Amino acid sequence: MDAIVLLREDHKTVEKLFKAFEKTGDEDTTERRRIVDEVIEELTVHAWIEEQYFYPAAREAAPDTKDHVLESVEEHHAVVWMLSELKDMDASDERFKAKMSVVMEQVRHHVEEEEQDWFPDVRKAMGRNRLQELGAQLEEAKEQAPRDPLKVPSAASK
């Protein structure tokens, strides 16, 4: 699978989880916890493979994407810290839903920028074969990716 297609599939998976979360009621704390745990795993793995493999390859193939990549890493930083807080937060905490709403807003903005503003440039710069090769690498890397949001490189403050 092409790397950009794989990343877009991840985006769709997370969006479905967001929609499921939005449909829960305040009394559905068990369901909210289950959904948020799934979101944490999906986004942690996704951010890790992007930072470890996709972003460096994008910068190499399309140097003009440097600013987009740097901004994306900063967006990851904010999101993984919120995910780490959600991981340890009780689903009945009054801030749980609010924190998850901020995560959803941030991630939706991030996805929109990636998919519309710079994935097309990366696709053009990399070409089909390189994207297929990178996609296989990303798929394989998902197996070794951490499940703890604070293990994502962007979680470290520099």
N, C-alpha and C. Protein backbone atom coordinates (compact mmCIF):
# COMPACT_ATOMS: atom_id res chain seq x y z
N MET A 1 0.85 -1.19 0.00
CA MET A 1 0.00 0.00 0.00
C MET A 1 0.89 1.25 0.00
N ASP A 2 0.47 2.20 -0.76
CA ASP A 2 1.13 3.49 -0.87
C ASP A 2 1.10 4.20 0.50
N ALA A 3 2.19 4.84 0.88
CA ALA A 3 2.31 5.47 2.21
C ALA A 3 1.22 6.49 2.47
N ILE A 4 0.90 7.30 1.49
CA ILE A 4 -0.12 8.33 1.70
C ILE A 4 -1.50 7.70 1.85
N VAL A 5 -1.76 6.64 1.10
CA VAL A 5 -3.03 5.92 1.23
C VAL A 5 -3.12 5.33 2.64
N LEU A 6 -2.03 4.75 3.12
CA LEU A 6 -2.01 4.17 4.47
C LEU A 6 -2.30 5.24 5.52
N LEU A 7 -1.66 6.38 5.41
CA LEU A 7 -1.88 7.45 6.38
C LEU A 7 -3.31 7.97 6.32
N ARG A 8 -3.85 8.08 5.12
CA ARG A 8 -5.25 8.51 4.97
C ARG A 8 -6.21 7.50 5.59
N GLU A 9 -5.90 6.21 5.45
CA GLU A 9 -6.72 5.16 6.06
C GLU A 9 -6.71 5.30 7.59
N ASP A 10 -5.53 5.59 8.13
CA ASP A 10 -5.42 5.85 9.58
C ASP A 10 -6.30 7.04 9.97
N HIS A 11 -6.26 8.09 9.17
CA HIS A 11 -7.07 9.28 9.44
C HIS A 11 -8.56 8.91 9.47
N LYS A 12 -8.99 8.09 8.53
CA LYS A 12 -10.41 7.67 8.47
C LYS A 12 -10.78 6.85 9.70
N THR A 13 -9.89 5.96 10.11
CA THR A 13 -10.14 5.13 11.29
C THR A 13 -10.36 6.00 12.52
N VAL A 14 -9.50 6.98 12.70
CA VAL A 14 -9.59 7.88 13.86
C VAL A 14 -10.84 8.74 13.77
N GLU A 15 -11.18 9.21 12.59
CA GLU A 15 -12.39 10.03 12.43
C GLU A 15 -13.63 9.23 12.82
N LYS A 16 -13.69 7.95 12.46
CA LYS A 16 -14.82 7.10 12.85
C LYS A 16 -14.91 6.99 14.37
N LEU A 17 -13.76 6.87 15.02
CA LEU A 17 -13.74 6.81 16.49
C LEU A 17 -14.21 8.13 17.08
N PHE A 18 -13.79 9.24 16.49
CA PHE A 18 -14.23 10.55 16.96
C PHE A 18 -15.75 10.67 16.88
N LYS A 19 -16.31 10.24 15.75
CA LYS A 19 -17.76 10.31 15.57
C LYS A 19 -18.48 9.43 16.59
N ALA A 20 -17.91 8.26 16.87
CA ALA A 20 -18.50 7.37 17.89
C ALA A 20 -18.46 8.05 19.26
N PHE A 21 -17.34 8.70 19.57
CA PHE A 21 -17.22 9.42 20.85
C PHE A 21 -18.27 10.53 20.94
N GLU A 22 -18.44 11.27 19.86
CA GLU A 22 -19.39 12.38 19.85
C GLU A 22 -20.84 11.91 20.06
N LYS A 23 -21.12 10.67 19.72
CA LYS A 23 -22.48 10.12 19.89
C LYS A 23 -22.75 9.63 21.30
N THR A 24 -21.70 9.52 22.12
CA THR A 24 -21.90 9.01 23.48
C THR A 24 -22.55 10.08 24.35
N GLY A 25 -23.29 9.62 25.35
CA GLY A 25 -23.90 10.54 26.31
C GLY A 25 -23.03 10.63 27.54
N ASP A 26 -23.29 11.60 28.39
CA ASP A 26 -22.49 11.80 29.59
C ASP A 26 -22.49 10.60 30.52
N GLU A 27 -23.52 9.78 30.43
CA GLU A 27 -23.59 8.59 31.30
C GLU A 27 -22.81 7.40 30.72
N ASP A 28 -22.36 7.51 29.48
CA ASP A 28 -21.65 6.40 28.80
C ASP A 28 -20.15 6.41 29.09
N THR A 29 -19.77 6.50 30.35
CA THR A 29 -18.34 6.63 30.66
C THR A 29 -17.55 5.38 30.27
N THR A 30 -18.14 4.21 30.37
CA THR A 30 -17.42 2.98 29.99
C THR A 30 -17.14 2.98 28.49
N GLU A 31 -18.13 3.36 27.69
CA GLU A 31 -17.97 3.41 26.24
C GLU A 31 -16.99 4.52 25.85
N ARG A 32 -17.07 5.66 26.51
CA ARG A 32 -16.12 6.74 26.24
C ARG A 32 -14.69 6.28 26.52
N ARG A 33 -14.50 5.59 27.63
CA ARG A 33 -13.16 5.11 28.00
C ARG A 33 -12.63 4.16 26.92
N ARG A 34 -13.49 3.24 26.46
CA ARG A 34 -13.09 2.27 25.44
C ARG A 34 -12.68 2.99 24.15
N ILE A 35 -13.49 3.94 23.73
CA ILE A 35 -13.20 4.68 22.50
C ILE A 35 -11.91 5.48 22.64
N VAL A 36 -11.75 6.17 23.75
CA VAL A 36 -10.56 6.99 23.96
C VAL A 36 -9.31 6.11 24.00
N ASP A 37 -9.39 4.95 24.63
CA ASP A 37 -8.23 4.04 24.65
C ASP A 37 -7.84 3.62 23.23
N GLU A 38 -8.84 3.39 22.39
CA GLU A 38 -8.57 3.03 21.00
C GLU A 38 -7.95 4.21 20.25
N VAL A 39 -8.49 5.40 20.48
CA VAL A 39 -7.94 6.61 19.85
C VAL A 39 -6.48 6.81 20.27
N ILE A 40 -6.20 6.62 21.54
CA ILE A 40 -4.83 6.80 22.04
C ILE A 40 -3.88 5.86 21.30
N GLU A 41 -4.27 4.60 21.18
CA GLU A 41 -3.40 3.65 20.48
C GLU A 41 -3.24 4.02 19.01
N GLU A 42 -4.34 4.30 18.34
CA GLU A 42 -4.28 4.64 16.91
C GLU A 42 -3.41 5.87 16.66
N LEU A 43 -3.64 6.93 17.42
CA LEU A 43 -2.89 8.17 17.19
C LEU A 43 -1.43 8.06 17.60
N THR A 44 -1.16 7.29 18.64
CA THR A 44 0.23 7.12 19.07
C THR A 44 1.03 6.39 17.99
N VAL A 45 0.49 5.29 17.50
CA VAL A 45 1.17 4.53 16.44
C VAL A 45 1.31 5.39 15.19
N HIS A 46 0.25 6.08 14.83
CA HIS A 46 0.26 6.92 13.63
C HIS A 46 1.32 8.03 13.73
N ALA A 47 1.33 8.74 14.84
CA ALA A 47 2.30 9.82 15.02
C ALA A 47 3.72 9.28 14.99
N TRP A 48 3.93 8.13 15.61
CA TRP A 48 5.27 7.54 15.67
C TRP A 48 5.77 7.17 14.27
N ILE A 49 4.93 6.50 13.47
CA ILE A 49 5.40 6.12 12.12
C ILE A 49 5.60 7.34 11.23
N GLU A 50 4.77 8.36 11.43
CA GLU A 50 4.98 9.59 10.64
C GLU A 50 6.31 10.22 11.00
N GLU A 51 6.57 10.36 12.29
CA GLU A 51 7.79 11.05 12.72
C GLU A 51 9.06 10.25 12.42
N GLN A 52 8.98 8.95 12.56
CA GLN A 52 10.16 8.11 12.36
C GLN A 52 10.48 7.87 10.88
N TYR A 53 9.45 7.77 10.05
CA TYR A 53 9.66 7.36 8.66
C TYR A 53 9.12 8.33 7.62
N PHE A 54 7.84 8.69 7.76
CA PHE A 54 7.22 9.47 6.70
C PHE A 54 7.76 10.90 6.61
N TYR A 55 7.83 11.60 7.73
CA TYR A 55 8.28 12.99 7.69
C TYR A 55 9.72 13.12 7.17
N PRO A 56 10.66 12.30 7.65
CA PRO A 56 12.02 12.41 7.08
C PRO A 56 12.05 12.14 5.57
N ALA A 57 11.27 11.15 5.12
CA ALA A 57 11.23 10.84 3.69
C ALA A 57 10.59 11.99 2.91
N ALA A 58 9.55 12.60 3.48
CA ALA A 58 8.88 13.72 2.81
C ALA A 58 9.83 14.91 2.68
N ARG A 59 10.56 15.19 3.74
CA ARG A 59 11.51 16.32 3.70
C ARG A 59 12.61 16.08 2.69
N GLU A 60 13.05 14.84 2.59
CA GLU A 60 14.11 14.52 1.64
C GLU A 60 13.61 14.65 0.20
N ALA A 61 12.43 14.12 -0.06
CA ALA A 61 11.89 14.13 -1.43
C ALA A 61 11.36 15.50 -1.84
N ALA A 62 10.77 16.21 -0.89
CA ALA A 62 10.16 17.51 -1.19
C ALA A 62 10.61 18.52 -0.14
N PRO A 63 11.82 19.06 -0.30
CA PRO A 63 12.37 20.00 0.70
C PRO A 63 11.45 21.18 1.03
N ASP A 64 10.58 21.54 0.09
CA ASP A 64 9.64 22.65 0.33
C ASP A 64 8.63 22.33 1.42
N THR A 65 8.52 21.06 1.81
CA THR A 65 7.55 20.68 2.85
C THR A 65 8.12 20.84 4.26
N LYS A 66 9.35 21.30 4.37
CA LYS A 66 10.01 21.41 5.68
C LYS A 66 9.15 22.12 6.72
N ASP A 67 8.60 23.28 6.38
CA ASP A 67 7.78 24.03 7.35
C ASP A 67 6.53 23.26 7.74
N HIS A 68 5.92 22.59 6.77
CA HIS A 68 4.73 21.76 7.07
C HIS A 68 5.09 20.64 8.04
N VAL A 69 6.22 20.02 7.79
CA VAL A 69 6.66 18.91 8.65
C VAL A 69 6.93 19.41 10.06
N LEU A 70 7.64 20.51 10.17
CA LEU A 70 7.95 21.06 11.49
C LEU A 70 6.68 21.44 12.25
N GLU A 71 5.73 22.04 11.56
CA GLU A 71 4.46 22.39 12.19
C GLU A 71 3.71 21.12 12.62
N SER A 72 3.75 20.11 11.79
CA SER A 72 3.08 18.84 12.12
C SER A 72 3.67 18.20 13.37
N VAL A 73 4.98 18.26 13.50
CA VAL A 73 5.64 17.70 14.69
C VAL A 73 5.19 18.46 15.94
N GLU A 74 5.06 19.78 15.83
CA GLU A 74 4.58 20.57 16.97
C GLU A 74 3.13 20.23 17.31
N GLU A 75 2.32 20.00 16.28
CA GLU A 75 0.93 19.59 16.53
C GLU A 75 0.91 18.22 17.22
N HIS A 76 1.76 17.32 16.77
CA HIS A 76 1.87 16.02 17.43
C HIS A 76 2.23 16.20 18.90
N HIS A 77 3.18 17.09 19.16
CA HIS A 77 3.64 17.32 20.54
C HIS A 77 2.44 17.64 21.45
N ALA A 78 1.63 18.58 21.02
CA ALA A 78 0.47 18.98 21.84
C ALA A 78 -0.51 17.82 22.01
N VAL A 79 -0.76 17.10 20.94
CA VAL A 79 -1.74 16.01 20.99
C VAL A 79 -1.26 14.85 21.85
N VAL A 80 0.00 14.44 21.70
CA VAL A 80 0.46 13.27 22.49
C VAL A 80 0.46 13.57 23.98
N TRP A 81 0.72 14.81 24.36
CA TRP A 81 0.64 15.15 25.78
C TRP A 81 -0.79 15.08 26.29
N MET A 82 -1.73 15.57 25.47
CA MET A 82 -3.14 15.46 25.88
C MET A 82 -3.58 14.00 25.93
N LEU A 83 -3.10 13.19 24.99
CA LEU A 83 -3.42 11.76 25.00
C LEU A 83 -2.88 11.09 26.26
N SER A 84 -1.67 11.48 26.66
CA SER A 84 -1.09 10.89 27.88
C SER A 84 -1.91 11.26 29.11
N GLU A 85 -2.47 12.46 29.11
CA GLU A 85 -3.33 12.88 30.22
C GLU A 85 -4.65 12.11 30.19
N LEU A 86 -5.22 11.94 29.00
CA LEU A 86 -6.47 11.18 28.87
C LEU A 86 -6.29 9.73 29.29
N LYS A 87 -5.11 9.20 29.00
CA LYS A 87 -4.81 7.79 29.33
C LYS A 87 -4.97 7.54 30.83
N ASP A 88 -4.57 8.51 31.62
CA ASP A 88 -4.60 8.36 33.08
C ASP A 88 -5.82 9.02 33.74
N MET A 89 -6.71 9.58 32.94
CA MET A 89 -7.84 10.31 33.48
C MET A 89 -9.07 9.40 33.59
N ASP A 90 -9.81 9.57 34.64
CA ASP A 90 -11.06 8.83 34.82
C ASP A 90 -12.09 9.38 33.82
N ALA A 91 -12.79 8.48 33.14
CA ALA A 91 -13.76 8.90 32.13
C ALA A 91 -14.93 9.68 32.72
N SER A 92 -15.12 9.60 34.02
CA SER A 92 -16.20 10.36 34.64
C SER A 92 -15.74 11.75 35.10
N ASP A 93 -14.44 12.03 34.97
CA ASP A 93 -13.91 13.35 35.30
C ASP A 93 -14.60 14.38 34.40
N GLU A 94 -15.01 15.49 34.97
CA GLU A 94 -15.73 16.50 34.19
C GLU A 94 -14.90 17.08 33.04
N ARG A 95 -13.57 16.95 33.11
CA ARG A 95 -12.69 17.48 32.06
C ARG A 95 -12.41 16.47 30.95
N PHE A 96 -12.80 15.21 31.14
CA PHE A 96 -12.50 14.14 30.19
C PHE A 96 -13.06 14.46 28.79
N LYS A 97 -14.34 14.75 28.73
CA LYS A 97 -14.98 15.04 27.44
C LYS A 97 -14.38 16.29 26.81
N ALA A 98 -14.15 17.32 27.62
CA ALA A 98 -13.58 18.58 27.11
C ALA A 98 -12.19 18.35 26.53
N LYS A 99 -11.37 17.59 27.23
CA LYS A 99 -10.00 17.32 26.76
C LYS A 99 -10.05 16.53 25.45
N MET A 100 -10.95 15.56 25.39
CA MET A 100 -11.08 14.77 24.16
C MET A 100 -11.58 15.64 23.02
N SER A 101 -12.45 16.60 23.31
CA SER A 101 -12.94 17.51 22.27
C SER A 101 -11.81 18.35 21.69
N VAL A 102 -10.89 18.78 22.55
CA VAL A 102 -9.73 19.55 22.09
C VAL A 102 -8.83 18.67 21.23
N VAL A 103 -8.61 17.44 21.65
CA VAL A 103 -7.81 16.49 20.85
C VAL A 103 -8.45 16.35 19.46
N MET A 104 -9.76 16.13 19.42
CA MET A 104 -10.43 15.93 18.13
C MET A 104 -10.29 17.16 17.24
N GLU A 105 -10.44 18.33 17.82
CA GLU A 105 -10.29 19.58 17.06
C GLU A 105 -8.88 19.70 16.49
N GLN A 106 -7.88 19.45 17.33
CA GLN A 106 -6.48 19.54 16.89
C GLN A 106 -6.17 18.53 15.79
N VAL A 107 -6.61 17.30 15.99
CA VAL A 107 -6.31 16.24 15.02
C VAL A 107 -7.03 16.51 13.69
N ARG A 108 -8.26 16.96 13.76
CA ARG A 108 -8.99 17.26 12.51
C ARG A 108 -8.29 18.38 11.73
N HIS A 109 -7.81 19.38 12.41
CA HIS A 109 -7.06 20.47 11.76
C HIS A 109 -5.78 19.92 11.13
N HIS A 110 -5.07 19.10 11.89
CA HIS A 110 -3.81 18.49 11.44
C HIS A 110 -4.05 17.64 10.17
N VAL A 111 -5.07 16.81 10.21
CA VAL A 111 -5.39 15.93 9.07
C VAL A 111 -5.73 16.76 7.84
N GLU A 112 -6.52 17.79 8.02
CA GLU A 112 -6.90 18.64 6.89
C GLU A 112 -5.68 19.27 6.24
N GLU A 113 -4.77 19.80 7.07
CA GLU A 113 -3.55 20.40 6.52
C GLU A 113 -2.70 19.38 5.79
N GLU A 114 -2.51 18.21 6.40
CA GLU A 114 -1.69 17.19 5.74
C GLU A 114 -2.30 16.79 4.40
N GLU A 115 -3.57 16.42 4.43
CA GLU A 115 -4.19 15.86 3.24
C GLU A 115 -4.36 16.89 2.12
N GLN A 116 -4.66 18.13 2.47
CA GLN A 116 -4.93 19.13 1.44
C GLN A 116 -3.70 19.96 1.07
N ASP A 117 -2.90 20.31 2.06
CA ASP A 117 -1.82 21.25 1.79
C ASP A 117 -0.50 20.63 1.35
N TRP A 118 -0.18 19.44 1.90
CA TRP A 118 1.15 18.97 1.50
C TRP A 118 1.26 17.53 1.05
N PHE A 119 0.30 16.67 1.32
CA PHE A 119 0.36 15.31 0.76
C PHE A 119 0.45 15.34 -0.78
N PRO A 120 -0.29 16.22 -1.47
CA PRO A 120 -0.17 16.23 -2.93
C PRO A 120 1.25 16.55 -3.41
N ASP A 121 1.93 17.46 -2.73
CA ASP A 121 3.32 17.78 -3.09
C ASP A 121 4.24 16.60 -2.85
N VAL A 122 4.03 15.92 -1.73
CA VAL A 122 4.86 14.76 -1.40
C VAL A 122 4.61 13.65 -2.43
N ARG A 123 3.35 13.43 -2.79
CA ARG A 123 3.02 12.40 -3.78
C ARG A 123 3.74 12.68 -5.09
N LYS A 124 3.69 13.92 -5.53
CA LYS A 124 4.32 14.30 -6.79
C LYS A 124 5.85 14.10 -6.70
N ALA A 125 6.43 14.51 -5.58
CA ALA A 125 7.89 14.44 -5.43
C ALA A 125 8.40 13.00 -5.28
N MET A 126 7.65 12.16 -4.60
CA MET A 126 8.12 10.80 -4.33
C MET A 126 7.87 9.84 -5.47
N GLY A 127 6.72 9.95 -6.07
CA GLY A 127 6.38 9.00 -7.14
C GLY A 127 5.86 7.69 -6.57
N ARG A 128 5.24 6.91 -7.45
CA ARG A 128 4.52 5.70 -7.07
C ARG A 128 5.40 4.64 -6.38
N ASN A 129 6.54 4.34 -6.98
CA ASN A 129 7.39 3.27 -6.43
C ASN A 129 7.90 3.59 -5.04
N ARG A 130 8.37 4.82 -4.84
CA ARG A 130 8.88 5.21 -3.53
C ARG A 130 7.76 5.20 -2.50
N LEU A 131 6.56 5.65 -2.89
CA LEU A 131 5.43 5.65 -1.96
C LEU A 131 5.01 4.22 -1.59
N GLN A 132 5.11 3.30 -2.54
CA GLN A 132 4.79 1.90 -2.26
C GLN A 132 5.81 1.31 -1.28
N GLU A 133 7.07 1.60 -1.54
CA GLU A 133 8.17 1.12 -0.69
C GLU A 133 8.01 1.69 0.74
N LEU A 134 7.74 2.97 0.83
CA LEU A 134 7.57 3.62 2.13
C LEU A 134 6.32 3.10 2.83
N GLY A 135 5.27 2.84 2.08
CA GLY A 135 4.05 2.29 2.66
C GLY A 135 4.30 0.94 3.33
N ALA A 136 5.08 0.09 2.68
CA ALA A 136 5.43 -1.21 3.26
C ALA A 136 6.24 -1.01 4.54
N GLN A 137 7.13 -0.05 4.52
CA GLN A 137 7.94 0.26 5.70
C GLN A 137 7.05 0.75 6.85
N LEU A 138 6.09 1.60 6.56
CA LEU A 138 5.18 2.12 7.58
C LEU A 138 4.33 0.99 8.17
N GLU A 139 3.84 0.13 7.30
CA GLU A 139 3.00 -1.00 7.75
C GLU A 139 3.78 -1.88 8.72
N GLU A 140 5.01 -2.17 8.36
CA GLU A 140 5.87 -3.00 9.21
C GLU A 140 6.21 -2.28 10.53
N ALA A 141 6.45 -0.99 10.44
CA ALA A 141 6.83 -0.20 11.62
C ALA A 141 5.70 -0.12 12.64
N LYS A 142 4.46 -0.24 12.18
CA LYS A 142 3.32 -0.18 13.11
C LYS A 142 3.43 -1.26 14.19
N GLU A 143 4.00 -2.40 13.82
CA GLU A 143 4.13 -3.51 14.77
C GLU A 143 5.06 -3.15 15.93
N GLN A 144 6.11 -2.38 15.65
CA GLN A 144 7.08 -2.03 16.69
C GLN A 144 6.79 -0.70 17.36
N ALA A 145 5.82 0.02 16.85
CA ALA A 145 5.53 1.35 17.38
C ALA A 145 5.07 1.27 18.83
N PRO A 146 5.48 2.24 19.64
CA PRO A 146 5.04 2.26 21.04
C PRO A 146 3.54 2.54 21.15
N ARG A 147 2.98 2.15 22.26
CA ARG A 147 1.56 2.42 22.51
C ARG A 147 1.41 3.52 23.57
N ASP A 148 2.53 3.97 24.10
CA ASP A 148 2.53 5.04 25.10
C ASP A 148 2.78 6.36 24.36
N PRO A 149 1.83 7.30 24.43
CA PRO A 149 2.00 8.57 23.70
C PRO A 149 3.30 9.30 24.02
N LEU A 150 3.80 9.16 25.24
CA LEU A 150 5.02 9.89 25.60
C LEU A 150 6.29 9.25 25.03
N LYS A 151 6.14 8.13 24.32
CA LYS A 151 7.28 7.50 23.63
C LYS A 151 7.41 8.00 22.19
N VAL A 152 6.46 8.81 21.75
CA VAL A 152 6.55 9.42 20.42
C VAL A 152 7.62 10.50 20.49
N PRO A 153 8.55 10.55 19.52
CA PRO A 153 9.65 11.53 19.60
C PRO A 153 9.22 12.96 19.88
N SER A 154 8.12 13.41 19.31
CA SER A 154 7.70 14.80 19.50
C SER A 154 7.24 15.08 20.94
N ALA A 155 7.02 14.06 21.73
CA ALA A 155 6.61 14.28 23.13
C ALA A 155 7.73 14.95 23.94
N ALA A 156 8.97 14.69 23.54
CA ALA A 156 10.11 15.28 24.24
C ALA A 156 10.17 16.77 23.97
N SER A 157 10.37 17.54 25.00
CA SER A 157 10.52 18.98 24.79
C SER A 157 11.99 19.26 24.53
N LYS A 158 12.24 20.04 23.52
CA LYS A 158 13.64 20.33 23.15
C LYS A 158 13.94 21.79 23.34
